[in-house]
Protein backbone atom coordinates (compact mmCIF):
# COMPACT_ATOMS: atom_id res chain seq x y z
CA MET A 1 -47.65 95.84 -78.26
CA LYS A 2 -45.05 93.74 -76.98
CA ARG A 3 -41.27 93.80 -77.60
CA ARG A 4 -38.73 91.52 -79.02
CA HIS A 5 -35.24 91.73 -80.15
CA ALA A 6 -33.62 89.32 -82.25
CA LYS A 7 -31.92 88.99 -85.63
CA LEU A 8 -34.81 88.06 -87.74
CA ILE A 9 -34.78 84.64 -89.55
CA ALA A 10 -36.95 82.35 -91.54
CA SER A 11 -37.29 78.96 -89.88
CA ALA A 12 -38.74 75.44 -90.33
CA ALA A 13 -41.89 74.71 -88.08
CA VAL A 14 -40.73 73.13 -84.95
CA LEU A 15 -42.94 70.38 -83.90
CA CYS A 16 -43.61 69.25 -80.26
CA THR A 17 -44.87 66.16 -78.67
CA MET A 18 -46.04 65.84 -74.98
CA ILE A 19 -43.18 65.69 -72.65
CA THR A 20 -43.76 63.75 -69.32
CA GLY A 21 -42.56 65.88 -66.35
CA ASN A 22 -43.44 65.95 -62.81
CA SER A 23 -47.07 65.24 -61.82
CA VAL A 24 -49.14 68.49 -61.94
CA MET A 25 -50.51 69.29 -58.61
CA ALA A 26 -54.05 69.72 -57.93
CA ALA A 27 -55.19 73.31 -57.26
CA SER A 28 -55.29 73.98 -53.61
CA THR A 29 -54.77 76.68 -50.93
CA SER A 30 -52.46 74.52 -48.81
CA SER A 31 -48.81 75.18 -48.22
CA ASN A 32 -47.88 71.96 -50.49
CA SER A 33 -49.83 72.85 -53.41
CA ALA A 34 -50.95 75.96 -55.44
CA PRO A 35 -53.37 76.64 -58.40
CA PRO A 36 -52.14 76.78 -61.83
CA LEU A 37 -50.84 80.28 -62.82
CA THR A 38 -52.39 81.33 -66.53
CA VAL A 39 -50.26 83.72 -68.56
CA THR A 40 -50.22 85.53 -71.82
CA THR A 41 -47.36 87.30 -73.47
CA GLY A 42 -49.50 88.95 -75.73
CA PRO A 43 -51.93 88.29 -78.82
CA ASP A 44 -50.09 86.25 -81.37
CA GLY A 45 -52.77 83.89 -82.37
CA ASN A 46 -52.33 80.21 -82.47
CA PHE A 47 -49.41 78.66 -81.42
CA GLN A 48 -46.97 76.80 -83.87
CA ALA A 49 -45.14 73.99 -81.94
CA ASN A 50 -42.09 76.28 -82.05
CA PHE A 51 -39.90 75.27 -79.15
CA ASN A 52 -36.49 76.14 -80.54
CA PRO A 53 -34.48 79.03 -79.02
CA PHE A 54 -32.77 79.75 -82.16
CA VAL A 55 -35.85 81.16 -84.04
CA SER A 56 -37.10 84.68 -84.08
CA ASN A 57 -40.50 84.07 -82.64
CA PRO A 58 -40.46 80.80 -80.42
CA ASP A 59 -43.51 79.89 -78.41
CA PRO A 60 -43.89 81.35 -74.97
CA GLY A 61 -41.74 79.44 -72.32
CA THR A 62 -39.18 78.23 -74.89
CA GLN A 63 -36.70 81.09 -73.77
CA GLY A 64 -36.38 81.34 -70.00
CA LEU A 65 -38.69 78.53 -68.69
CA MET A 66 -36.89 75.70 -70.51
CA TYR A 67 -33.76 77.01 -72.13
CA GLU A 68 -31.52 79.52 -70.10
CA THR A 69 -28.66 81.98 -70.88
CA LEU A 70 -25.49 82.39 -68.62
CA PHE A 71 -26.91 85.51 -66.92
CA TYR A 72 -29.64 88.01 -67.14
CA PHE A 73 -28.96 91.81 -67.00
CA ASP A 74 -32.09 93.53 -66.08
CA THR A 75 -32.97 96.78 -67.71
CA VAL A 76 -35.49 97.87 -65.11
CA SER A 77 -33.57 97.37 -61.72
CA GLY A 78 -30.09 97.55 -63.26
CA LYS A 79 -29.37 94.19 -61.48
CA THR A 80 -27.35 91.29 -62.86
CA PHE A 81 -29.07 87.63 -62.19
CA ASP A 82 -26.82 84.70 -62.12
CA ILE A 83 -28.49 81.78 -64.08
CA LEU A 84 -26.28 79.05 -65.70
CA GLY A 85 -23.09 81.18 -64.87
CA THR A 86 -22.07 82.16 -61.22
CA GLY A 87 -19.61 84.97 -62.02
CA TYR A 88 -17.59 86.36 -64.83
CA LYS A 89 -14.45 88.41 -65.04
CA TRP A 90 -13.17 90.73 -67.88
CA SER A 91 -9.46 90.86 -68.79
CA ASN A 92 -6.99 91.45 -71.29
CA GLY A 93 -8.09 95.19 -72.07
CA ASN A 94 -11.76 94.16 -71.82
CA LYS A 95 -11.19 91.86 -74.70
CA THR A 96 -11.55 88.44 -72.68
CA VAL A 97 -14.19 87.51 -70.33
CA THR A 98 -14.00 84.35 -68.23
CA VAL A 99 -17.25 82.89 -67.02
CA THR A 100 -17.78 80.51 -63.97
CA LEU A 101 -20.47 78.03 -64.43
CA ARG A 102 -22.80 76.24 -61.99
CA LYS A 103 -21.65 72.82 -60.82
CA ASN A 104 -25.13 71.23 -60.06
CA ALA A 105 -27.17 72.32 -63.01
CA LYS A 106 -28.43 69.23 -65.06
CA TRP A 107 -30.43 69.18 -68.43
CA SER A 108 -33.82 68.01 -67.90
CA ASP A 109 -33.08 64.42 -69.13
CA GLY A 110 -30.42 64.08 -66.26
CA THR A 111 -27.44 64.75 -68.31
CA PRO A 112 -24.99 67.08 -66.27
CA PHE A 113 -24.56 70.65 -67.85
CA THR A 114 -20.89 71.55 -68.43
CA SER A 115 -18.65 73.79 -70.20
CA SER A 116 -18.82 71.70 -73.23
CA ASP A 117 -22.44 72.52 -73.78
CA VAL A 118 -21.63 76.15 -73.63
CA VAL A 119 -18.69 75.94 -76.10
CA PHE A 120 -20.81 73.68 -78.42
CA THR A 121 -23.73 76.19 -78.51
CA PHE A 122 -21.45 79.22 -79.44
CA ASN A 123 -19.50 76.99 -82.15
CA ARG A 124 -22.65 75.98 -83.52
CA ILE A 125 -24.27 79.31 -84.13
CA LYS A 126 -21.03 80.35 -85.51
CA LYS A 127 -21.24 77.43 -88.03
CA TYR A 128 -24.91 78.25 -88.87
CA SER A 129 -25.16 81.91 -88.75
CA ASP A 130 -28.99 82.13 -89.21
CA ALA A 131 -29.13 80.86 -85.60
CA ASP A 132 -26.62 83.57 -84.24
CA LEU A 133 -29.80 85.83 -83.40
CA ASN A 134 -27.44 88.63 -81.63
CA ASP A 135 -24.74 88.36 -84.27
CA ASP A 136 -22.53 87.18 -81.41
CA TRP A 137 -19.49 86.11 -83.85
CA SER A 138 -19.48 89.70 -85.40
CA GLN A 139 -17.58 90.48 -82.17
CA LEU A 140 -16.21 87.08 -80.91
CA VAL A 141 -12.87 85.30 -81.84
CA SER A 142 -13.00 82.21 -79.76
CA VAL A 143 -14.91 80.37 -77.16
CA LYS A 144 -13.03 77.78 -75.23
CA ALA A 145 -13.39 75.64 -72.18
CA GLU A 146 -11.09 75.53 -69.19
CA GLY A 147 -12.16 72.41 -67.52
CA LEU A 148 -15.88 71.37 -66.88
CA TYR A 149 -16.96 74.58 -65.31
CA LYS A 150 -15.13 77.59 -66.80
CA VAL A 151 -15.60 79.12 -70.30
CA VAL A 152 -13.22 81.65 -72.01
CA PHE A 153 -14.70 84.06 -74.42
CA ASN A 154 -12.22 86.09 -76.41
CA PHE A 155 -13.52 89.24 -78.41
CA LYS A 156 -12.10 91.08 -81.45
CA GLN A 157 -12.04 94.21 -79.26
CA GLY A 158 -12.99 95.41 -76.11
CA ASP A 159 -16.88 95.69 -75.80
CA ILE A 160 -18.27 94.88 -72.43
CA PRO A 161 -21.72 96.20 -73.29
CA PHE A 162 -22.04 93.75 -76.31
CA GLY A 163 -20.55 90.94 -74.37
CA ASN A 164 -22.74 91.19 -71.30
CA GLN A 165 -25.91 92.09 -73.08
CA PHE A 166 -25.89 89.57 -75.92
CA VAL A 167 -23.22 87.03 -75.42
CA LEU A 168 -23.59 86.36 -71.67
CA GLY A 169 -27.02 87.87 -71.50
CA ASP A 170 -28.97 86.55 -74.24
CA THR A 171 -27.69 83.58 -75.95
CA TYR A 172 -29.34 80.47 -75.01
CA ILE A 173 -27.55 77.30 -74.21
CA VAL A 174 -28.47 73.95 -75.62
CA PRO A 175 -27.17 70.49 -74.72
CA SER A 176 -24.61 69.16 -77.15
CA HIS A 177 -25.62 65.54 -76.75
CA ILE A 178 -28.94 66.37 -78.41
CA TRP A 179 -28.25 69.33 -80.73
CA SER A 180 -25.11 67.82 -82.22
CA LYS A 181 -27.39 65.51 -84.14
CA LEU A 182 -29.87 68.36 -85.41
CA GLY A 183 -27.76 70.11 -87.91
CA ASP A 184 -28.66 73.88 -88.49
CA PRO A 185 -30.14 74.97 -85.20
CA SER A 186 -32.29 77.58 -86.78
CA LYS A 187 -34.04 74.87 -88.80
CA ALA A 188 -33.97 72.09 -86.20
CA ILE A 189 -37.16 70.00 -85.64
CA VAL A 190 -37.26 69.80 -81.97
CA THR A 191 -39.93 67.22 -80.70
CA LYS A 192 -38.77 66.88 -77.07
CA PRO A 193 -37.25 70.14 -75.72
CA VAL A 194 -34.70 69.27 -73.16
CA GLY A 195 -33.32 72.46 -71.28
CA THR A 196 -31.89 73.28 -67.94
CA GLY A 197 -34.75 75.64 -66.80
CA PRO A 198 -37.26 75.58 -64.01
CA TYR A 199 -39.99 74.23 -66.18
CA LEU A 200 -40.87 71.38 -68.49
CA LEU A 201 -43.39 71.21 -71.28
CA LYS A 202 -46.21 69.01 -70.19
CA SER A 203 -48.60 69.46 -73.18
CA PHE A 204 -49.09 71.39 -76.41
CA SER A 205 -52.16 72.44 -78.66
CA GLN A 206 -52.52 75.40 -81.12
CA GLN A 207 -54.61 77.01 -78.17
CA MET A 208 -52.89 76.14 -74.90
CA LEU A 209 -49.20 75.33 -73.70
CA THR A 210 -48.82 74.04 -70.35
CA TYR A 211 -45.61 73.72 -68.35
CA THR A 212 -44.87 71.89 -65.16
CA ALA A 213 -42.36 72.70 -62.52
CA ASN A 214 -38.95 70.81 -62.97
CA SER A 215 -38.49 68.92 -59.74
CA LYS A 216 -34.81 68.37 -60.59
CA TYR A 217 -33.93 72.20 -61.24
CA TYR A 218 -30.79 73.21 -59.52
CA LEU A 219 -32.30 75.99 -57.66
CA GLY A 220 -35.24 73.74 -56.40
CA ALA A 221 -38.56 73.36 -58.04
CA PRO A 222 -40.66 76.63 -58.15
CA ALA A 223 -43.72 76.73 -56.04
CA VAL A 224 -45.84 77.55 -59.18
CA LYS A 225 -46.22 74.10 -60.18
CA THR A 226 -48.20 74.69 -63.19
CA VAL A 227 -48.10 77.47 -65.79
CA ASP A 228 -50.79 77.74 -68.69
CA TYR A 229 -50.23 79.74 -71.83
CA PRO A 230 -53.60 80.16 -73.69
CA ALA A 231 -53.71 81.58 -77.10
CA TYR A 232 -55.35 84.71 -77.85
CA ALA A 233 -56.01 86.61 -81.29
CA SER A 234 -56.41 90.14 -80.04
CA ASN A 235 -55.81 92.24 -77.22
CA GLU A 236 -59.68 92.53 -76.73
CA SER A 237 -59.91 88.91 -75.97
CA ALA A 238 -57.08 88.81 -73.60
CA ASP A 239 -58.50 91.96 -71.73
CA LEU A 240 -61.89 90.01 -71.20
CA ALA A 241 -60.10 87.09 -69.72
CA LEU A 242 -57.96 89.32 -67.50
CA ALA A 243 -61.13 91.20 -66.24
CA ASN A 244 -63.01 87.92 -65.55
CA GLY A 245 -60.10 86.25 -63.57
CA THR A 246 -59.24 83.71 -66.33
CA LEU A 247 -55.81 85.25 -66.87
CA GLN A 248 -53.63 85.98 -63.67
CA TRP A 249 -50.36 87.47 -65.43
CA ALA A 250 -50.34 89.58 -68.76
CA GLY A 251 -48.23 91.76 -70.96
CA ILE A 252 -50.98 93.68 -72.83
CA MET A 253 -52.54 96.94 -73.31
CA ILE A 254 -55.93 97.65 -71.52
CA PRO A 255 -57.78 100.93 -72.16
CA ASP A 256 -59.14 102.61 -69.00
CA ILE A 257 -57.35 100.00 -66.95
CA GLN A 258 -58.83 101.23 -63.57
CA LYS A 259 -62.24 100.84 -64.72
CA ALA A 260 -61.80 97.57 -66.79
CA TYR A 261 -59.42 95.86 -64.28
CA THR A 262 -58.28 97.30 -61.00
CA SER A 263 -61.65 98.31 -59.96
CA VAL A 264 -62.97 94.81 -60.66
CA ASN A 265 -61.00 92.82 -58.20
CA SER A 266 -58.82 94.30 -55.33
CA HIS A 267 -56.27 91.57 -56.32
CA ASN A 268 -55.67 93.15 -59.86
CA HIS A 269 -52.81 95.35 -60.20
CA TYR A 270 -50.69 96.81 -63.10
CA TRP A 271 -47.31 98.47 -63.47
CA PHE A 272 -46.67 100.24 -66.85
CA ALA A 273 -43.01 101.12 -66.75
CA PRO A 274 -41.48 103.12 -69.64
CA SER A 275 -38.69 100.95 -71.02
CA PHE A 276 -38.15 101.41 -74.56
CA LEU A 277 -38.89 103.62 -77.72
CA THR A 278 -41.85 103.21 -80.27
CA ASN A 279 -40.44 104.24 -83.63
CA LEU A 280 -41.98 104.78 -87.04
CA LEU A 281 -39.33 103.26 -89.34
CA GLY A 282 -38.80 104.05 -92.99
CA ASN A 283 -36.77 101.68 -95.08
CA LEU A 284 -33.72 103.74 -96.07
CA SER A 285 -33.22 101.58 -99.31
CA ASN A 286 -36.35 103.27 -100.54
CA PRO A 287 -35.44 106.08 -102.98
CA ILE A 288 -37.99 108.34 -101.47
CA LEU A 289 -37.81 107.52 -97.67
CA LYS A 290 -34.10 107.67 -97.74
CA GLN A 291 -34.49 111.60 -98.58
CA LEU A 292 -34.20 113.34 -95.37
CA PRO A 293 -36.82 116.01 -96.14
CA VAL A 294 -39.43 113.21 -96.48
CA ARG A 295 -38.83 111.93 -93.17
CA LYS A 296 -38.82 115.55 -91.57
CA ALA A 297 -42.13 116.21 -93.16
CA ILE A 298 -43.54 112.91 -91.82
CA SER A 299 -42.33 113.57 -88.39
CA LEU A 300 -43.78 117.08 -88.37
CA ALA A 301 -47.06 115.85 -89.58
CA ILE A 302 -47.64 113.40 -86.81
CA ASP A 303 -49.56 114.36 -83.69
CA ARG A 304 -47.74 112.41 -81.08
CA ASN A 305 -50.12 113.82 -78.37
CA LYS A 306 -53.10 112.28 -80.14
CA ILE A 307 -51.09 108.98 -80.53
CA SER A 308 -50.35 108.99 -76.75
CA VAL A 309 -54.08 109.70 -75.54
CA ALA A 310 -56.01 108.00 -78.25
CA GLY A 311 -53.64 105.21 -79.31
CA GLU A 312 -51.94 104.59 -75.97
CA ASP A 313 -54.76 105.55 -73.57
CA GLY A 314 -52.37 108.11 -72.06
CA TYR A 315 -50.13 105.11 -70.81
CA GLU A 316 -47.33 106.40 -73.02
CA GLN A 317 -45.92 109.62 -73.23
CA PRO A 318 -44.64 111.48 -76.48
CA ALA A 319 -40.97 110.31 -77.13
CA SER A 320 -37.81 112.52 -77.09
CA PRO A 321 -36.29 113.47 -80.38
CA THR A 322 -33.22 112.12 -78.89
CA ALA A 323 -34.76 108.65 -78.78
CA LEU A 324 -33.88 108.30 -75.01
CA VAL A 325 -36.44 106.90 -72.83
CA LEU A 326 -37.18 109.56 -70.21
CA PRO A 327 -36.96 109.97 -67.36
CA ASN A 328 -35.04 106.64 -67.21
CA GLU A 329 -32.02 107.83 -69.27
CA LYS A 330 -32.05 111.50 -68.09
CA SER A 331 -28.68 111.37 -66.83
CA TRP A 332 -27.44 110.40 -70.40
CA LEU A 333 -29.35 113.58 -71.96
CA ASP A 334 -27.05 116.17 -73.58
CA PRO A 335 -27.28 119.01 -71.09
CA SER A 336 -26.20 121.35 -74.07
CA LEU A 337 -29.15 120.68 -76.41
CA PRO A 338 -31.22 123.51 -77.04
CA LYS A 339 -34.99 123.49 -75.62
CA SER A 340 -36.10 123.30 -79.51
CA ASP A 341 -34.40 119.90 -79.43
CA LEU A 342 -35.97 118.36 -76.61
CA THR A 343 -39.66 118.02 -77.90
CA PHE A 344 -41.32 117.37 -81.18
CA LYS A 345 -43.30 119.78 -82.91
CA HIS A 346 -46.72 119.14 -84.56
CA ASP A 347 -46.68 121.27 -87.63
CA PRO A 348 -48.44 120.01 -90.87
CA ALA A 349 -48.03 123.29 -92.69
CA GLN A 350 -44.22 123.40 -92.18
CA ALA A 351 -44.24 119.77 -93.38
CA GLU A 352 -45.99 120.61 -96.66
CA LYS A 353 -43.43 123.61 -97.01
CA ILE A 354 -40.43 121.30 -96.59
CA LEU A 355 -41.66 118.83 -99.22
CA GLU A 356 -42.28 121.66 -101.48
CA ALA A 357 -38.81 123.06 -101.08
CA ALA A 358 -37.53 119.68 -101.73
CA GLY A 359 -39.25 119.78 -105.33
CA PHE A 360 -42.10 117.61 -104.56
CA LYS A 361 -45.46 118.86 -105.97
CA LYS A 362 -49.22 117.65 -105.27
CA ASN A 363 -51.28 115.95 -108.31
CA SER A 364 -54.73 116.54 -109.04
CA LYS A 365 -55.64 114.26 -106.16
CA GLY A 366 -53.75 116.24 -103.56
CA VAL A 367 -51.06 113.67 -103.20
CA PHE A 368 -47.34 114.89 -103.49
CA GLU A 369 -45.32 113.29 -106.26
CA THR A 370 -41.47 113.13 -107.02
CA LYS A 371 -40.39 115.18 -110.17
CA SER A 372 -40.69 111.79 -112.29
CA GLY A 373 -44.44 111.44 -111.14
CA THR A 374 -44.00 108.79 -108.49
CA PRO A 375 -46.63 109.50 -105.83
CA LEU A 376 -45.60 109.58 -102.20
CA SER A 377 -47.53 106.65 -101.39
CA PHE A 378 -46.39 104.12 -98.76
CA THR A 379 -47.57 100.75 -97.02
CA LEU A 380 -47.33 100.98 -93.20
CA LEU A 381 -47.12 97.69 -91.38
CA THR A 382 -48.33 96.81 -87.82
CA VAL A 383 -49.09 93.68 -86.07
CA SER A 384 -52.68 92.28 -86.32
CA GLY A 385 -54.34 92.37 -82.91
CA TRP A 386 -51.95 94.74 -81.25
CA SER A 387 -54.70 97.18 -80.84
CA ASP A 388 -52.68 100.02 -79.71
CA TRP A 389 -50.18 99.80 -82.66
CA ASP A 390 -53.15 99.32 -84.97
CA THR A 391 -54.76 102.57 -83.69
CA ASP A 392 -51.60 104.33 -83.88
CA ALA A 393 -50.96 103.27 -87.42
CA LEU A 394 -54.36 104.59 -88.31
CA LEU A 395 -53.67 107.96 -86.51
CA ILE A 396 -50.55 108.27 -88.51
CA LYS A 397 -52.33 107.28 -91.90
CA GLN A 398 -54.78 110.21 -91.27
CA ASP A 399 -52.13 112.76 -90.27
CA LEU A 400 -50.06 111.90 -93.45
CA GLN A 401 -53.10 112.15 -95.56
CA GLN A 402 -53.84 115.69 -94.26
CA ILE A 403 -50.37 116.81 -95.70
CA GLY A 404 -50.71 114.88 -99.07
CA ILE A 405 -48.87 111.63 -98.33
CA GLN A 406 -50.85 108.28 -99.05
CA VAL A 407 -50.68 105.58 -96.51
CA THR A 408 -52.03 102.01 -96.63
CA VAL A 409 -52.14 100.26 -93.15
CA GLN A 410 -51.46 96.46 -93.30
CA GLU A 411 -51.95 94.34 -90.59
CA LEU A 412 -49.73 91.27 -90.41
CA THR A 413 -49.57 88.26 -88.08
CA TYR A 414 -46.48 88.81 -85.91
CA GLY A 415 -44.33 86.27 -87.80
CA ALA A 416 -45.10 87.69 -91.02
CA TYR A 417 -44.33 91.29 -89.68
CA LEU A 418 -40.92 90.05 -88.46
CA ASN A 419 -40.22 88.57 -91.82
CA ASP A 420 -41.08 91.84 -93.69
CA ILE A 421 -39.06 94.02 -91.62
CA SER A 422 -36.16 91.96 -91.70
CA PRO A 423 -33.05 93.51 -93.09
CA LYS A 424 -32.72 90.37 -95.31
CA SER A 425 -36.02 90.68 -96.97
CA GLY A 426 -36.20 94.48 -97.13
CA HIS A 427 -40.03 94.22 -98.24
CA TYR A 428 -41.39 96.99 -96.12
CA GLN A 429 -41.69 100.69 -96.67
CA LEU A 430 -43.04 102.05 -93.28
CA ALA A 431 -43.28 100.05 -90.11
CA MET A 432 -44.27 100.25 -86.38
CA ALA A 433 -41.32 99.05 -84.42
CA SER A 434 -39.62 99.05 -81.04
CA MET A 435 -36.24 100.01 -80.21
CA THR A 436 -35.36 97.87 -77.07
CA GLY A 437 -32.55 98.93 -74.71
CA GLY A 438 -30.11 97.83 -71.92
CA PRO A 439 -28.59 99.29 -68.95
CA THR A 440 -27.44 102.35 -70.91
CA PRO A 441 -28.64 104.14 -74.22
CA PHE A 442 -25.94 102.55 -76.07
CA THR A 443 -27.73 99.14 -76.38
CA ALA A 444 -30.76 100.66 -78.07
CA TYR A 445 -28.77 102.96 -80.23
CA TYR A 446 -26.42 100.11 -81.32
CA ASN A 447 -29.14 97.77 -82.01
CA MET A 448 -30.94 100.10 -84.40
CA LEU A 449 -28.20 102.12 -85.89
CA ASP A 450 -25.32 99.82 -86.38
CA PRO A 451 -25.29 97.31 -89.13
CA LYS A 452 -24.14 94.67 -86.70
CA GLY A 453 -26.95 95.47 -84.34
CA ASN A 454 -29.79 93.28 -84.13
CA SER A 455 -32.48 95.78 -85.07
CA ASP A 456 -30.96 97.68 -87.70
CA TYR A 457 -34.38 97.37 -89.77
CA GLU A 458 -34.03 100.61 -91.45
CA GLY A 459 -30.74 99.52 -93.17
CA LEU A 460 -28.58 102.29 -91.81
CA ASN A 461 -24.81 102.08 -92.27
CA ASN A 462 -23.03 105.24 -91.26
CA ALA A 463 -19.28 105.47 -90.94
CA THR A 464 -19.50 108.38 -88.28
CA LEU A 465 -22.01 106.42 -85.86
CA ASN A 466 -19.89 103.21 -86.20
CA GLN A 467 -17.00 104.92 -85.04
CA LEU A 468 -18.93 106.39 -82.25
CA PHE A 469 -20.12 102.92 -81.23
CA SER A 470 -16.56 101.72 -81.30
CA ASN A 471 -15.31 104.54 -79.05
CA TYR A 472 -18.12 103.94 -76.52
CA THR A 473 -16.94 100.14 -76.36
CA ALA A 474 -13.43 100.85 -76.10
CA SER A 475 -13.66 103.16 -72.95
CA THR A 476 -14.48 102.46 -69.51
CA SER A 477 -14.95 105.94 -68.60
CA THR A 478 -18.55 107.14 -68.26
CA SER A 479 -17.74 110.75 -68.99
CA GLN A 480 -16.15 109.65 -72.27
CA GLN A 481 -19.15 107.41 -73.15
CA LYS A 482 -21.43 110.10 -72.44
CA LYS A 483 -19.67 112.43 -74.89
CA ASP A 484 -20.16 109.52 -77.62
CA ILE A 485 -23.91 109.25 -76.65
CA TYR A 486 -24.44 112.86 -76.99
CA GLN A 487 -23.11 112.77 -80.45
CA ILE A 488 -25.57 110.05 -81.37
CA GLU A 489 -28.42 112.05 -79.76
CA ARG A 490 -27.71 114.99 -82.15
CA TYR A 491 -27.56 112.57 -85.22
CA PHE A 492 -30.79 111.26 -84.18
CA ILE A 493 -32.33 114.71 -83.97
CA ASN A 494 -30.89 116.00 -87.14
CA GLN A 495 -31.08 112.89 -89.37
CA LEU A 496 -34.17 111.17 -88.11
CA PRO A 497 -33.02 107.60 -88.86
CA GLY A 498 -36.15 106.44 -87.16
CA ILE A 499 -39.18 108.73 -86.24
CA PRO A 500 -39.78 108.43 -82.51
CA LEU A 501 -43.38 108.16 -81.47
CA THR A 502 -43.79 107.31 -77.71
CA ASP A 503 -41.73 105.97 -75.00
CA GLY A 504 -43.20 102.52 -75.08
CA ALA A 505 -44.54 100.84 -71.73
CA ASP A 506 -43.82 97.30 -70.62
CA TRP A 507 -47.27 96.18 -70.14
CA TYR A 508 -47.66 94.22 -66.95
CA GLU A 509 -50.84 93.29 -65.22
CA TYR A 510 -50.88 90.69 -62.49
CA ASN A 511 -53.32 89.00 -59.70
CA ASP A 512 -51.95 88.60 -56.31
CA ALA A 513 -54.76 86.48 -55.06
CA HIS A 514 -52.66 83.04 -54.92
CA TYR A 515 -49.24 84.19 -55.24
CA THR A 516 -47.06 86.84 -53.74
CA GLY A 517 -43.71 88.18 -54.50
CA TRP A 518 -44.27 90.05 -57.64
CA PRO A 519 -42.38 93.24 -58.88
CA THR A 520 -44.08 96.37 -58.13
CA GLN A 521 -43.71 100.12 -58.92
CA SER A 522 -42.80 100.53 -55.41
CA ASN A 523 -40.29 97.42 -55.57
CA PRO A 524 -39.07 97.28 -59.07
CA TRP A 525 -36.69 94.20 -58.35
CA ILE A 526 -37.01 93.13 -62.04
CA GLU A 527 -38.95 93.72 -65.30
CA GLY A 528 -42.51 92.35 -64.86
CA SER A 529 -44.02 91.75 -68.11
CA PRO A 530 -44.22 88.07 -69.16
CA TYR A 531 -43.12 88.65 -72.52
CA ASN A 532 -39.48 88.89 -71.45
CA GLY A 533 -38.79 85.10 -71.08
CA GLN A 534 -35.70 85.50 -68.80
CA SER A 535 -37.25 87.81 -66.26
CA ALA A 536 -40.64 85.70 -66.43
CA ALA A 537 -38.77 82.66 -65.27
CA ILE A 538 -36.91 84.55 -62.68
CA ILE A 539 -40.48 85.79 -61.14
CA LEU A 540 -41.92 82.28 -61.37
CA ARG A 541 -39.04 81.06 -59.21
CA HIS A 542 -39.50 83.86 -56.44
CA LEU A 543 -43.48 83.57 -56.40
CA LYS A 544 -44.85 82.03 -53.23
CA PRO A 545 -48.11 80.78 -52.62
CA VAL A 546 -50.56 82.81 -50.47
CA HIS A 547 -51.42 81.12 -47.38
């Protein structure tokens, strides 16, 4: 699978015409030219000409390669990368952050980038809240320019984690001289994307996107002159392209990767770093799933070891009941937790006892029912073509049917899946989902469990948790923040707002025959998977041709 984090919105289709950029260099092994790099972020099917950074599922390259943020906070290395910003300073009890901007950045049409573009972007998403993908204005009070190259952000309360991760690090800046004429950013029809990034869109078809290096990029044109993104409908078709060398960089799951990929070519490599949580989510507005005994029974019925081995080919380990990604976040694990809270049990018999004790009874078909006769029957959403998730979902279906819970697995396109699990639609019952994080566990917990978070898909709104999040953001003491996190861990263990399955891997495969400088397990200088547009753009800037 691949991960995303965004407030989910419905948007108009965004059309794209061919943009004339720098001439594409012919493939060569000389120092002045290099072959195109072919990339996939995962099997999403045909492209939809969606080059708008304010929609939930833009085409690859929109975010990062063309449109940029102020900074990038990498969750793998812990590093901060300056992008359109060159520095920032918090003040006023951590309620104000002042950002210094680059003075040499230009939009790809030649217009200088200034503070007015930053202020415009944030005021625009304030006016049109569907474009505020991270709910920035749930915390912001004002965004003002101080001259051409400084911007001051004022917040309602001290909240450095939110400010860094989302406001400074995950809001894409657009040119005011163009977007001021487009109305609601989330519905804008963008025919000629103009960004500050290292690449320009060269051509579009539903089966292929091609980008060319921006010769006027403020950090210099990347050595990778051409980047191609072919469309794939499934992991299997992308796996084949990787194995035969058609793809050089991917973010997909490959079964038996040593045999199918690395043994085929000495230049083929991979690194599957654990970086997020894969969850089974239940819609808490559902009258049955909101009952804790039901969620406990579901959790006990699931064989996570089978999911790890059969669904994830052993690449992803069973998750922690705390929802921490281990061992990455081991330093945040409550040392006072009993051993029984550190691992999940697989106990179908106990699952049935819990349901019976809660008043559920099996009908003549062996399916548990409520007292009013409603069967425990749910639809489980997954993404079509994400073969590991699709397998996981079928394994969960089998496990739950064994204890008397009916499950129908529904595979949707990624866009339809996002729409159905959106808190605004509330269409789903059960869903496979990822819980993306940040430099500390706070980000993942906040995103999923706070109603202001950008992935509160289950619809939780708990006053105790909301206060813990406020306490965390108001403190600069790591020891106090850990105490807050410890309480959230216990809530997750005891209340199961989501049902952790595995520690999700960042799928990352690459071929170093033509380019060097890739992040590796021994040199994890940045997240390697291409489905993170920000880190992908930084990697492309750092790659150098092999001579």
